[in-house]
């Protein structure tokens, strides 16, 4: 497990029509690459699924661009939108 100073935190958000298998599909990719889920929240509102995760890439064996690519492909398979941003970029986008 990494110490706080060496974490490489990434924000993953997933949205789309609710159906079985979304969480399993996304988290299977994270598990395959040993990426640690630091925090997770998900909800369904009127049939719309949304999930946001903070993950730590420093525990894993995949780069951010490769993770983004794999999750994009899985999102297409599942019929959901997936966005993946380094936490610093995500925070900067929220300030705009």
Protein backbone atom coordinates (compact mmCIF):
# COMPACT_ATOMS: atom_id res chain seq x y z
CA UNK A 1 0.00 0.00 0.00
CA UNK A 2 1.29 3.45 -0.83
CA UNK A 3 1.82 6.26 1.62
CA UNK A 4 -0.23 9.45 1.22
CA UNK A 5 2.68 11.29 -0.38
CA UNK A 6 3.10 8.79 -3.20
CA UNK A 7 -0.54 8.36 -4.22
CA UNK A 8 -1.44 9.08 -7.81
CA UNK A 9 -5.14 9.83 -7.49
CA UNK A 10 -7.49 9.68 -10.45
CA UNK A 11 -11.19 10.56 -10.69
CA UNK A 12 -13.39 8.18 -12.68
CA UNK A 13 -16.99 9.11 -13.38
CA UNK A 14 -19.56 6.86 -15.02
CA UNK A 15 -23.08 7.84 -16.17
CA UNK A 16 -25.76 6.20 -18.22
CA UNK A 17 -28.97 4.20 -18.16
CA UNK A 18 -29.03 1.84 -15.18
CA UNK A 19 -28.61 -1.87 -15.85
CA UNK A 20 -26.89 -4.82 -14.22
CA UNK A 21 -23.13 -5.18 -14.64
CA UNK A 22 -21.93 -1.58 -14.77
CA UNK A 23 -20.07 -1.59 -11.46
CA UNK A 24 -18.72 -5.09 -12.11
CA UNK A 25 -17.47 -4.17 -15.58
CA UNK A 26 -15.66 -1.03 -14.47
CA UNK A 27 -14.19 -2.47 -11.27
CA UNK A 28 -13.01 -5.63 -13.06
CA UNK A 29 -10.62 -3.51 -15.13
CA UNK A 30 -9.32 -1.79 -11.99
CA UNK A 31 -8.82 -5.15 -10.26
CA UNK A 32 -7.07 -6.60 -13.32
CA UNK A 33 -4.47 -3.84 -13.07
CA UNK A 34 -4.24 -3.80 -9.24
CA UNK A 35 -5.61 -0.23 -9.07
CA UNK A 36 -6.85 0.57 -5.55
CA UNK A 37 -10.29 2.16 -5.11
CA UNK A 38 -9.83 4.87 -2.47
CA UNK A 39 -13.43 6.11 -2.44
CA UNK A 40 -16.60 5.29 -4.35
CA UNK A 41 -20.17 6.58 -4.51
CA UNK A 42 -22.96 5.53 -6.81
CA UNK A 43 -26.62 6.30 -7.17
CA UNK A 44 -29.55 5.73 -9.45
CA UNK A 45 -32.04 8.54 -10.02
CA UNK A 46 -35.06 7.79 -12.21
CA UNK A 47 -33.20 5.05 -14.05
CA UNK A 48 -30.02 7.08 -14.58
CA UNK A 49 -26.94 5.48 -13.05
CA UNK A 50 -24.05 7.63 -11.85
CA UNK A 51 -20.85 6.62 -10.10
CA UNK A 52 -17.75 8.50 -9.11
CA UNK A 53 -14.59 6.84 -7.89
CA UNK A 54 -11.26 8.07 -6.63
CA UNK A 55 -8.59 5.49 -7.41
CA UNK A 56 -4.88 5.26 -6.72
CA UNK A 57 -2.79 4.41 -9.78
CA UNK A 58 0.41 4.10 -7.74
CA UNK A 59 -0.71 0.64 -6.58
CA UNK A 60 -1.34 -0.54 -10.12
CA UNK A 61 0.47 -1.66 -13.22
CA UNK A 62 -1.16 0.63 -15.80
CA UNK A 63 -0.64 4.21 -16.95
CA UNK A 64 -3.36 6.85 -16.87
CA UNK A 65 -3.67 7.01 -20.70
CA UNK A 66 -3.97 3.21 -20.95
CA UNK A 67 -6.52 3.07 -18.10
CA UNK A 68 -8.54 5.82 -19.80
CA UNK A 69 -8.49 3.83 -23.06
CA UNK A 70 -9.55 0.55 -21.44
CA UNK A 71 -12.35 2.19 -19.44
CA UNK A 72 -13.58 4.06 -22.54
CA UNK A 73 -13.84 0.76 -24.41
CA UNK A 74 -15.61 -0.93 -21.48
CA UNK A 75 -17.97 2.03 -21.21
CA UNK A 76 -18.93 1.65 -24.87
CA UNK A 77 -19.58 -2.07 -24.28
CA UNK A 78 -21.76 -1.25 -21.25
CA UNK A 79 -23.54 1.69 -22.91
CA UNK A 80 -22.28 4.27 -20.39
CA UNK A 81 -20.09 7.36 -20.54
CA UNK A 82 -16.81 7.08 -18.65
CA UNK A 83 -14.44 9.96 -17.95
CA UNK A 84 -11.03 9.57 -16.36
CA UNK A 85 -8.98 12.53 -15.08
CA UNK A 86 -6.01 12.96 -12.80
CA UNK A 87 -7.35 14.52 -9.60
CA UNK A 88 -5.32 17.72 -10.14
CA UNK A 89 -6.87 18.19 -13.60
CA UNK A 90 -10.33 17.43 -12.21
CA UNK A 91 -9.92 20.02 -9.45
CA UNK A 92 -8.67 22.61 -11.96
CA UNK A 93 -11.68 21.97 -14.23
CA UNK A 94 -14.03 22.59 -11.29
CA UNK A 95 -12.49 26.03 -10.69
CA UNK A 96 -13.23 27.25 -14.21
